[in-house]
Amino acid sequence: MPLEIERKFLVHGDAWRRDAEGHPVSAAQIRQGYLFADGLRNARVRLSRGHDGDRAFLTVKGMRTGIERFEFEYAIPLADAELMLDRLCNPPLIEKTRHVILHDGLTWVVDEFAGANAGLILAELELKSADQTFARPAWVLREVTDDGRYYNTYLAAHPYSSWA
């Protein structure tokens, strides 16, 4: 079953960069936009440019139940993704650099936002089960899993730069 179990955190300071230095090839430039997002489900287009080449995906996500939700992701041609981002997705697009950091045997993803969401840095951790325990890195400030403002669908409609 395609189930995403994810927790999300604000990142404090720049200490995470030291941990990311051990994985310099893992950084990817991401552009993504939404074909629709109605609070119950969304469909997104993502173009990722990184050390392993350029890749594009169409992702459909269901309503969140706690920290779980259905997620279906499909590779699509780069040209299709670029056209959808430019013509079908509402601006502003989400722009970010994604860094992969290994900590205590788990893979953390740190998203450093740019464009209309510049200044925001979030860390995400995908888990195998909702009750899985883990050690937080020192640079993790506070959990925002239950705060919808920090989800990309919200940031696309209400950019971080517009927050008071």
N, C-alpha and C. Protein backbone atom coordinates (compact mmCIF):
# COMPACT_ATOMS: atom_id res chain seq x y z
N MET A 1 0.85 -1.17 0.00
CA MET A 1 0.00 0.00 0.00
C MET A 1 0.90 1.24 0.00
N PRO A 2 0.64 2.20 -0.88
CA PRO A 2 1.47 3.41 -0.98
C PRO A 2 1.13 4.41 0.10
N LEU A 3 1.72 4.24 1.28
CA LEU A 3 1.42 5.06 2.43
C LEU A 3 2.65 5.89 2.80
N GLU A 4 2.45 7.20 2.93
CA GLU A 4 3.51 8.10 3.39
C GLU A 4 3.29 8.36 4.88
N ILE A 5 4.33 8.13 5.66
CA ILE A 5 4.30 8.42 7.10
C ILE A 5 5.44 9.40 7.34
N GLU A 6 5.08 10.66 7.60
CA GLU A 6 6.09 11.72 7.60
C GLU A 6 5.89 12.67 8.77
N ARG A 7 7.02 13.11 9.32
CA ARG A 7 7.02 14.16 10.34
C ARG A 7 7.85 15.33 9.81
N LYS A 8 7.46 16.53 10.22
CA LYS A 8 8.05 17.75 9.68
C LYS A 8 8.48 18.66 10.83
N PHE A 9 9.64 19.31 10.65
CA PHE A 9 10.23 20.12 11.72
C PHE A 9 10.82 21.41 11.16
N LEU A 10 10.80 22.47 11.97
CA LEU A 10 11.55 23.68 11.66
C LEU A 10 13.01 23.40 11.96
N VAL A 11 13.88 24.01 11.17
CA VAL A 11 15.33 23.86 11.36
C VAL A 11 15.88 25.11 12.00
N HIS A 12 16.76 24.92 12.97
CA HIS A 12 17.36 26.01 13.73
C HIS A 12 18.81 26.21 13.30
N GLY A 13 19.15 27.45 12.93
CA GLY A 13 20.53 27.80 12.62
C GLY A 13 21.09 27.11 11.39
N ASP A 14 22.42 27.07 11.33
CA ASP A 14 23.12 26.51 10.17
C ASP A 14 23.88 25.22 10.48
N ALA A 15 23.73 24.68 11.66
CA ALA A 15 24.47 23.48 12.04
C ALA A 15 24.16 22.30 11.12
N TRP A 16 22.96 22.29 10.54
CA TRP A 16 22.59 21.19 9.64
C TRP A 16 23.51 21.15 8.42
N ARG A 17 24.05 22.29 8.04
CA ARG A 17 24.92 22.34 6.86
C ARG A 17 26.17 21.47 7.05
N ARG A 18 26.71 21.42 8.28
CA ARG A 18 27.87 20.57 8.55
C ARG A 18 27.52 19.10 8.31
N ASP A 19 26.33 18.71 8.75
CA ASP A 19 25.90 17.32 8.53
C ASP A 19 25.66 17.05 7.05
N ALA A 20 25.18 18.05 6.33
CA ALA A 20 24.91 17.89 4.90
C ALA A 20 26.20 17.81 4.09
N GLU A 21 27.30 18.39 4.59
CA GLU A 21 28.57 18.38 3.87
C GLU A 21 29.06 16.97 3.59
N GLY A 22 28.70 16.02 4.41
CA GLY A 22 29.10 14.64 4.19
C GLY A 22 28.37 13.99 3.03
N HIS A 23 27.37 14.68 2.49
CA HIS A 23 26.56 14.16 1.39
C HIS A 23 26.38 15.22 0.31
N PRO A 24 27.49 15.78 -0.19
CA PRO A 24 27.37 16.91 -1.12
C PRO A 24 26.67 16.56 -2.42
N VAL A 25 26.69 15.31 -2.81
CA VAL A 25 26.06 14.95 -4.09
C VAL A 25 24.56 14.75 -3.93
N SER A 26 24.06 14.87 -2.72
CA SER A 26 22.64 14.61 -2.51
C SER A 26 21.76 15.84 -2.70
N ALA A 27 22.34 17.01 -2.86
CA ALA A 27 21.54 18.22 -3.03
C ALA A 27 20.88 18.22 -4.40
N ALA A 28 19.62 18.63 -4.43
CA ALA A 28 18.88 18.72 -5.68
C ALA A 28 18.08 20.02 -5.70
N GLN A 29 18.02 20.63 -6.87
CA GLN A 29 17.20 21.82 -7.06
C GLN A 29 15.81 21.34 -7.49
N ILE A 30 14.80 21.81 -6.78
CA ILE A 30 13.43 21.35 -7.02
C ILE A 30 12.53 22.52 -7.37
N ARG A 31 11.72 22.31 -8.39
CA ARG A 31 10.60 23.21 -8.73
C ARG A 31 9.36 22.34 -8.70
N GLN A 32 8.33 22.82 -8.01
CA GLN A 32 7.10 22.04 -8.00
C GLN A 32 5.90 22.97 -7.95
N GLY A 33 4.81 22.47 -8.50
CA GLY A 33 3.56 23.22 -8.50
C GLY A 33 2.40 22.26 -8.36
N TYR A 34 1.24 22.82 -8.14
CA TYR A 34 0.05 22.02 -7.88
C TYR A 34 -0.97 22.16 -8.99
N LEU A 35 -1.44 21.02 -9.47
CA LEU A 35 -2.52 20.99 -10.45
C LEU A 35 -3.85 21.22 -9.74
N PHE A 36 -3.97 20.68 -8.54
CA PHE A 36 -5.08 20.99 -7.65
C PHE A 36 -4.71 20.64 -6.23
N ALA A 37 -5.34 21.34 -5.30
CA ALA A 37 -5.16 21.07 -3.88
C ALA A 37 -6.41 21.60 -3.19
N ASP A 38 -7.21 20.69 -2.65
CA ASP A 38 -8.48 21.12 -2.06
C ASP A 38 -8.58 20.84 -0.57
N GLY A 39 -7.47 20.51 0.07
CA GLY A 39 -7.48 20.23 1.49
C GLY A 39 -7.69 18.76 1.82
N LEU A 40 -8.30 18.03 0.91
CA LEU A 40 -8.51 16.60 1.11
C LEU A 40 -7.52 15.78 0.30
N ARG A 41 -7.09 16.33 -0.82
CA ARG A 41 -6.16 15.64 -1.71
C ARG A 41 -5.48 16.69 -2.59
N ASN A 42 -4.37 16.30 -3.18
CA ASN A 42 -3.69 17.21 -4.10
C ASN A 42 -2.93 16.42 -5.14
N ALA A 43 -2.65 17.10 -6.25
CA ALA A 43 -1.83 16.53 -7.32
C ALA A 43 -0.75 17.55 -7.63
N ARG A 44 0.50 17.08 -7.61
CA ARG A 44 1.61 17.98 -7.79
C ARG A 44 2.51 17.48 -8.92
N VAL A 45 3.19 18.44 -9.53
CA VAL A 45 4.22 18.17 -10.53
C VAL A 45 5.53 18.62 -9.92
N ARG A 46 6.56 17.76 -10.01
CA ARG A 46 7.87 18.11 -9.45
C ARG A 46 8.95 17.84 -10.47
N LEU A 47 9.84 18.81 -10.63
CA LEU A 47 11.03 18.67 -11.46
C LEU A 47 12.23 18.79 -10.53
N SER A 48 13.08 17.79 -10.52
CA SER A 48 14.24 17.74 -9.64
C SER A 48 15.50 17.64 -10.47
N ARG A 49 16.43 18.55 -10.23
CA ARG A 49 17.71 18.56 -10.93
C ARG A 49 18.81 18.33 -9.90
N GLY A 50 19.49 17.19 -10.01
CA GLY A 50 20.51 16.86 -9.04
C GLY A 50 21.65 16.08 -9.65
N HIS A 51 22.54 15.58 -8.78
CA HIS A 51 23.72 14.85 -9.24
C HIS A 51 23.35 13.59 -10.02
N ASP A 52 22.20 13.04 -9.74
CA ASP A 52 21.79 11.81 -10.43
C ASP A 52 20.97 12.09 -11.67
N GLY A 53 20.99 13.33 -12.13
CA GLY A 53 20.29 13.70 -13.35
C GLY A 53 18.99 14.42 -13.06
N ASP A 54 18.32 14.78 -14.12
CA ASP A 54 17.05 15.47 -14.01
C ASP A 54 15.93 14.43 -14.01
N ARG A 55 14.98 14.63 -13.11
CA ARG A 55 13.86 13.70 -13.00
C ARG A 55 12.58 14.49 -12.77
N ALA A 56 11.46 13.92 -13.21
CA ALA A 56 10.18 14.59 -13.03
C ALA A 56 9.14 13.57 -12.57
N PHE A 57 8.22 14.06 -11.75
CA PHE A 57 7.21 13.18 -11.17
C PHE A 57 5.86 13.87 -11.10
N LEU A 58 4.82 13.07 -11.22
CA LEU A 58 3.46 13.48 -10.92
C LEU A 58 3.08 12.73 -9.65
N THR A 59 2.66 13.44 -8.62
CA THR A 59 2.35 12.83 -7.32
C THR A 59 0.94 13.21 -6.91
N VAL A 60 0.20 12.22 -6.46
CA VAL A 60 -1.15 12.41 -5.94
C VAL A 60 -1.13 12.00 -4.47
N LYS A 61 -1.61 12.90 -3.61
CA LYS A 61 -1.63 12.62 -2.18
C LYS A 61 -3.06 12.75 -1.66
N GLY A 62 -3.39 11.87 -0.71
CA GLY A 62 -4.70 11.90 -0.10
C GLY A 62 -4.71 12.71 1.18
N MET A 63 -5.87 12.72 1.84
CA MET A 63 -6.03 13.45 3.08
C MET A 63 -5.17 12.82 4.17
N ARG A 64 -4.61 13.66 5.00
CA ARG A 64 -3.76 13.22 6.09
C ARG A 64 -4.63 12.70 7.24
N THR A 65 -4.23 11.55 7.77
CA THR A 65 -4.82 11.00 8.98
C THR A 65 -3.68 10.87 9.98
N GLY A 66 -3.62 11.80 10.92
CA GLY A 66 -2.47 11.85 11.81
C GLY A 66 -1.24 12.23 11.00
N ILE A 67 -0.24 11.35 10.97
CA ILE A 67 0.97 11.62 10.17
C ILE A 67 1.01 10.72 8.94
N GLU A 68 -0.11 10.08 8.62
CA GLU A 68 -0.16 9.16 7.48
C GLU A 68 -1.09 9.69 6.39
N ARG A 69 -0.75 9.36 5.15
CA ARG A 69 -1.64 9.62 4.03
C ARG A 69 -1.22 8.78 2.85
N PHE A 70 -2.16 8.54 1.96
CA PHE A 70 -1.85 7.81 0.74
C PHE A 70 -1.04 8.72 -0.17
N GLU A 71 -0.05 8.12 -0.85
CA GLU A 71 0.78 8.87 -1.80
C GLU A 71 1.09 7.96 -2.99
N PHE A 72 0.79 8.46 -4.18
CA PHE A 72 1.07 7.75 -5.42
C PHE A 72 1.99 8.65 -6.25
N GLU A 73 3.13 8.12 -6.67
CA GLU A 73 4.10 8.93 -7.41
C GLU A 73 4.51 8.21 -8.68
N TYR A 74 4.52 8.96 -9.79
CA TYR A 74 4.82 8.39 -11.10
C TYR A 74 5.84 9.26 -11.83
N ALA A 75 6.85 8.63 -12.40
CA ALA A 75 7.81 9.34 -13.23
C ALA A 75 7.11 9.80 -14.50
N ILE A 76 7.42 11.03 -14.92
CA ILE A 76 6.87 11.57 -16.16
C ILE A 76 8.00 12.19 -16.97
N PRO A 77 7.80 12.38 -18.29
CA PRO A 77 8.84 13.01 -19.10
C PRO A 77 9.15 14.44 -18.63
N LEU A 78 10.42 14.82 -18.70
CA LEU A 78 10.84 16.16 -18.28
C LEU A 78 10.09 17.25 -19.01
N ALA A 79 9.92 17.09 -20.31
CA ALA A 79 9.22 18.11 -21.11
C ALA A 79 7.78 18.28 -20.64
N ASP A 80 7.13 17.19 -20.27
CA ASP A 80 5.76 17.28 -19.76
C ASP A 80 5.74 18.04 -18.44
N ALA A 81 6.68 17.75 -17.56
CA ALA A 81 6.73 18.43 -16.27
C ALA A 81 6.95 19.93 -16.46
N GLU A 82 7.88 20.29 -17.33
CA GLU A 82 8.16 21.71 -17.56
C GLU A 82 6.93 22.43 -18.11
N LEU A 83 6.23 21.79 -19.03
CA LEU A 83 5.03 22.39 -19.60
C LEU A 83 3.93 22.54 -18.54
N MET A 84 3.73 21.51 -17.73
CA MET A 84 2.71 21.59 -16.68
C MET A 84 3.06 22.67 -15.66
N LEU A 85 4.34 22.75 -15.26
CA LEU A 85 4.76 23.77 -14.29
C LEU A 85 4.55 25.18 -14.86
N ASP A 86 4.86 25.35 -16.14
CA ASP A 86 4.75 26.67 -16.76
C ASP A 86 3.33 27.07 -17.12
N ARG A 87 2.49 26.09 -17.47
CA ARG A 87 1.17 26.42 -18.02
C ARG A 87 -0.03 26.00 -17.18
N LEU A 88 0.12 24.98 -16.35
CA LEU A 88 -1.04 24.45 -15.64
C LEU A 88 -1.04 24.72 -14.13
N CYS A 89 0.13 24.91 -13.56
CA CYS A 89 0.23 25.12 -12.11
C CYS A 89 0.13 26.61 -11.79
N ASN A 90 -0.60 26.92 -10.73
CA ASN A 90 -0.73 28.32 -10.32
C ASN A 90 0.57 28.81 -9.69
N PRO A 91 0.98 30.03 -10.02
CA PRO A 91 2.15 30.59 -9.36
C PRO A 91 1.78 31.06 -7.95
N PRO A 92 2.74 31.24 -7.06
CA PRO A 92 4.15 30.95 -7.32
C PRO A 92 4.43 29.46 -7.16
N LEU A 93 5.41 29.01 -7.91
CA LEU A 93 5.87 27.63 -7.76
C LEU A 93 6.71 27.51 -6.50
N ILE A 94 6.78 26.32 -5.98
CA ILE A 94 7.66 26.04 -4.85
C ILE A 94 9.06 25.83 -5.42
N GLU A 95 10.03 26.57 -4.91
CA GLU A 95 11.43 26.42 -5.31
C GLU A 95 12.22 26.12 -4.05
N LYS A 96 13.06 25.08 -4.12
CA LYS A 96 13.84 24.73 -2.95
C LYS A 96 15.03 23.88 -3.34
N THR A 97 16.03 23.90 -2.46
CA THR A 97 17.15 22.98 -2.58
C THR A 97 16.94 21.92 -1.51
N ARG A 98 16.97 20.68 -1.95
CA ARG A 98 16.76 19.55 -1.03
C ARG A 98 18.10 18.91 -0.71
N HIS A 99 18.36 18.78 0.59
CA HIS A 99 19.59 18.16 1.08
C HIS A 99 19.21 16.87 1.83
N VAL A 100 19.98 15.83 1.62
CA VAL A 100 19.77 14.56 2.32
C VAL A 100 20.84 14.42 3.39
N ILE A 101 20.41 14.15 4.63
CA ILE A 101 21.33 14.04 5.76
C ILE A 101 21.03 12.75 6.51
N LEU A 102 22.06 11.95 6.73
CA LEU A 102 21.90 10.74 7.52
C LEU A 102 22.19 11.08 8.98
N HIS A 103 21.26 10.68 9.86
CA HIS A 103 21.43 10.93 11.29
C HIS A 103 20.88 9.73 12.05
N ASP A 104 21.73 9.12 12.84
CA ASP A 104 21.32 8.01 13.70
C ASP A 104 20.62 6.90 12.90
N GLY A 105 21.16 6.63 11.72
CA GLY A 105 20.63 5.54 10.90
C GLY A 105 19.40 5.87 10.09
N LEU A 106 18.92 7.11 10.16
CA LEU A 106 17.73 7.51 9.39
C LEU A 106 18.08 8.62 8.41
N THR A 107 17.29 8.72 7.36
CA THR A 107 17.50 9.73 6.33
C THR A 107 16.59 10.92 6.56
N TRP A 108 17.19 12.05 6.85
CA TRP A 108 16.47 13.31 7.01
C TRP A 108 16.58 14.08 5.71
N VAL A 109 15.53 14.77 5.35
CA VAL A 109 15.53 15.64 4.18
C VAL A 109 15.37 17.07 4.68
N VAL A 110 16.30 17.94 4.30
CA VAL A 110 16.22 19.34 4.67
C VAL A 110 15.95 20.14 3.40
N ASP A 111 14.84 20.88 3.43
CA ASP A 111 14.45 21.71 2.30
C ASP A 111 14.74 23.17 2.63
N GLU A 112 15.61 23.76 1.82
CA GLU A 112 15.97 25.17 1.95
C GLU A 112 15.22 25.91 0.85
N PHE A 113 14.18 26.64 1.23
CA PHE A 113 13.29 27.26 0.27
C PHE A 113 13.90 28.51 -0.35
N ALA A 114 13.48 28.81 -1.57
CA ALA A 114 13.92 29.99 -2.30
C ALA A 114 12.67 30.68 -2.85
N GLY A 115 12.89 31.71 -3.68
CA GLY A 115 11.76 32.40 -4.29
C GLY A 115 10.85 33.03 -3.25
N ALA A 116 9.55 32.86 -3.42
CA ALA A 116 8.56 33.47 -2.53
C ALA A 116 8.59 32.89 -1.12
N ASN A 117 9.26 31.75 -0.94
CA ASN A 117 9.35 31.12 0.38
C ASN A 117 10.76 31.18 0.96
N ALA A 118 11.60 32.05 0.42
CA ALA A 118 12.98 32.19 0.90
C ALA A 118 13.00 32.49 2.38
N GLY A 119 13.98 31.90 3.06
CA GLY A 119 14.14 32.09 4.50
C GLY A 119 13.59 30.94 5.32
N LEU A 120 12.77 30.11 4.71
CA LEU A 120 12.18 28.97 5.42
C LEU A 120 13.04 27.74 5.19
N ILE A 121 13.36 27.04 6.26
CA ILE A 121 14.11 25.78 6.18
C ILE A 121 13.37 24.75 7.02
N LEU A 122 12.98 23.66 6.38
CA LEU A 122 12.23 22.59 7.04
C LEU A 122 12.96 21.27 6.90
N ALA A 123 12.81 20.42 7.89
CA ALA A 123 13.35 19.06 7.85
C ALA A 123 12.18 18.09 7.89
N GLU A 124 12.29 17.02 7.10
CA GLU A 124 11.27 15.99 7.07
C GLU A 124 11.91 14.64 7.32
N LEU A 125 11.14 13.78 7.93
CA LEU A 125 11.60 12.43 8.20
C LEU A 125 10.47 11.47 7.86
N GLU A 126 10.72 10.56 6.91
CA GLU A 126 9.74 9.53 6.59
C GLU A 126 10.02 8.32 7.45
N LEU A 127 8.95 7.79 8.03
CA LEU A 127 9.06 6.68 8.97
C LEU A 127 8.41 5.42 8.40
N LYS A 128 8.76 4.30 8.98
CA LYS A 128 8.17 3.02 8.58
C LYS A 128 6.82 2.78 9.27
N SER A 129 6.63 3.40 10.46
CA SER A 129 5.37 3.27 11.18
C SER A 129 5.12 4.56 11.96
N ALA A 130 3.88 4.83 12.27
CA ALA A 130 3.53 6.07 12.97
C ALA A 130 4.12 6.14 14.37
N ASP A 131 4.38 5.00 14.98
CA ASP A 131 4.92 4.99 16.34
C ASP A 131 6.43 4.75 16.40
N GLN A 132 7.11 4.83 15.26
CA GLN A 132 8.55 4.63 15.22
C GLN A 132 9.25 5.72 16.02
N THR A 133 10.22 5.32 16.84
CA THR A 133 10.98 6.30 17.61
C THR A 133 12.25 6.68 16.83
N PHE A 134 12.78 7.85 17.13
CA PHE A 134 13.97 8.34 16.44
C PHE A 134 14.63 9.41 17.29
N ALA A 135 15.91 9.62 17.03
CA ALA A 135 16.67 10.68 17.70
C ALA A 135 16.66 11.91 16.81
N ARG A 136 16.37 13.04 17.41
CA ARG A 136 16.35 14.30 16.65
C ARG A 136 17.76 14.88 16.60
N PRO A 137 18.17 15.36 15.44
CA PRO A 137 19.44 16.09 15.38
C PRO A 137 19.34 17.39 16.19
N ALA A 138 20.45 17.91 16.62
CA ALA A 138 20.46 19.14 17.43
C ALA A 138 19.89 20.34 16.67
N TRP A 139 19.97 20.31 15.35
CA TRP A 139 19.49 21.45 14.55
C TRP A 139 17.99 21.43 14.31
N VAL A 140 17.30 20.43 14.79
CA VAL A 140 15.84 20.39 14.69
C VAL A 140 15.26 21.22 15.82
N LEU A 141 14.47 22.22 15.48
CA LEU A 141 13.95 23.15 16.48
C LEU A 141 12.64 22.66 17.08
N ARG A 142 11.59 22.64 16.27
CA ARG A 142 10.29 22.23 16.81
C ARG A 142 9.50 21.53 15.72
N GLU A 143 8.66 20.62 16.16
CA GLU A 143 7.86 19.86 15.21
C GLU A 143 6.68 20.70 14.73
N VAL A 144 6.44 20.65 13.41
CA VAL A 144 5.33 21.39 12.80
C VAL A 144 4.45 20.46 11.95
N THR A 145 4.52 19.16 12.23
CA THR A 145 3.74 18.18 11.48
C THR A 145 2.26 18.54 11.48
N ASP A 146 1.75 19.03 12.59
CA ASP A 146 0.32 19.33 12.71
C ASP A 146 -0.03 20.77 12.34
N ASP A 147 0.94 21.53 11.85
CA ASP A 147 0.71 22.92 11.47
C ASP A 147 0.67 23.00 9.94
N GLY A 148 -0.52 23.09 9.39
CA GLY A 148 -0.72 23.08 7.94
C GLY A 148 -0.02 24.19 7.19
N ARG A 149 0.38 25.24 7.87
CA ARG A 149 1.07 26.34 7.19
C ARG A 149 2.41 25.91 6.60
N TYR A 150 2.98 24.83 7.13
CA TYR A 150 4.30 24.42 6.69
C TYR A 150 4.25 23.34 5.60
N TYR A 151 3.09 23.07 5.07
CA TYR A 151 2.99 22.11 3.96
C TYR A 151 3.08 22.86 2.64
N ASN A 152 3.69 22.22 1.67
CA ASN A 152 3.93 22.88 0.39
C ASN A 152 2.66 23.38 -0.28
N THR A 153 1.54 22.68 -0.10
CA THR A 153 0.30 23.15 -0.70
C THR A 153 -0.09 24.52 -0.13
N TYR A 154 0.10 24.71 1.16
CA TYR A 154 -0.20 26.00 1.78
C TYR A 154 0.82 27.05 1.33
N LEU A 155 2.09 26.68 1.32
CA LEU A 155 3.15 27.62 0.94
C LEU A 155 3.00 28.08 -0.51
N ALA A 156 2.45 27.24 -1.37
CA ALA A 156 2.23 27.63 -2.76
C ALA A 156 1.15 28.72 -2.85
N ALA A 157 0.15 28.64 -1.99
CA ALA A 157 -0.94 29.62 -2.02
C ALA A 157 -0.68 30.82 -1.10
N HIS A 158 0.11 30.60 -0.05
CA HIS A 158 0.40 31.65 0.95
C HIS A 158 1.89 31.63 1.23
N PRO A 159 2.70 32.22 0.34
CA PRO A 159 4.16 32.14 0.50
C PRO A 159 4.64 32.68 1.83
N TYR A 160 5.71 32.07 2.30
CA TYR A 160 6.34 32.43 3.57
C TYR A 160 6.67 33.92 3.61
N SER A 161 7.05 34.50 2.47
CA SER A 161 7.41 35.93 2.42
C SER A 161 6.22 36.83 2.74
N SER A 162 5.01 36.31 2.66
CA SER A 162 3.82 37.13 2.93
C SER A 162 3.34 36.99 4.37
N TRP A 163 3.97 36.12 5.16
CA TRP A 163 3.55 35.95 6.55
C TRP A 163 3.95 37.19 7.35
N ALA A 164 3.14 37.59 8.28
CA ALA A 164 3.44 38.78 9.09
C ALA A 164 4.51 38.49 10.11
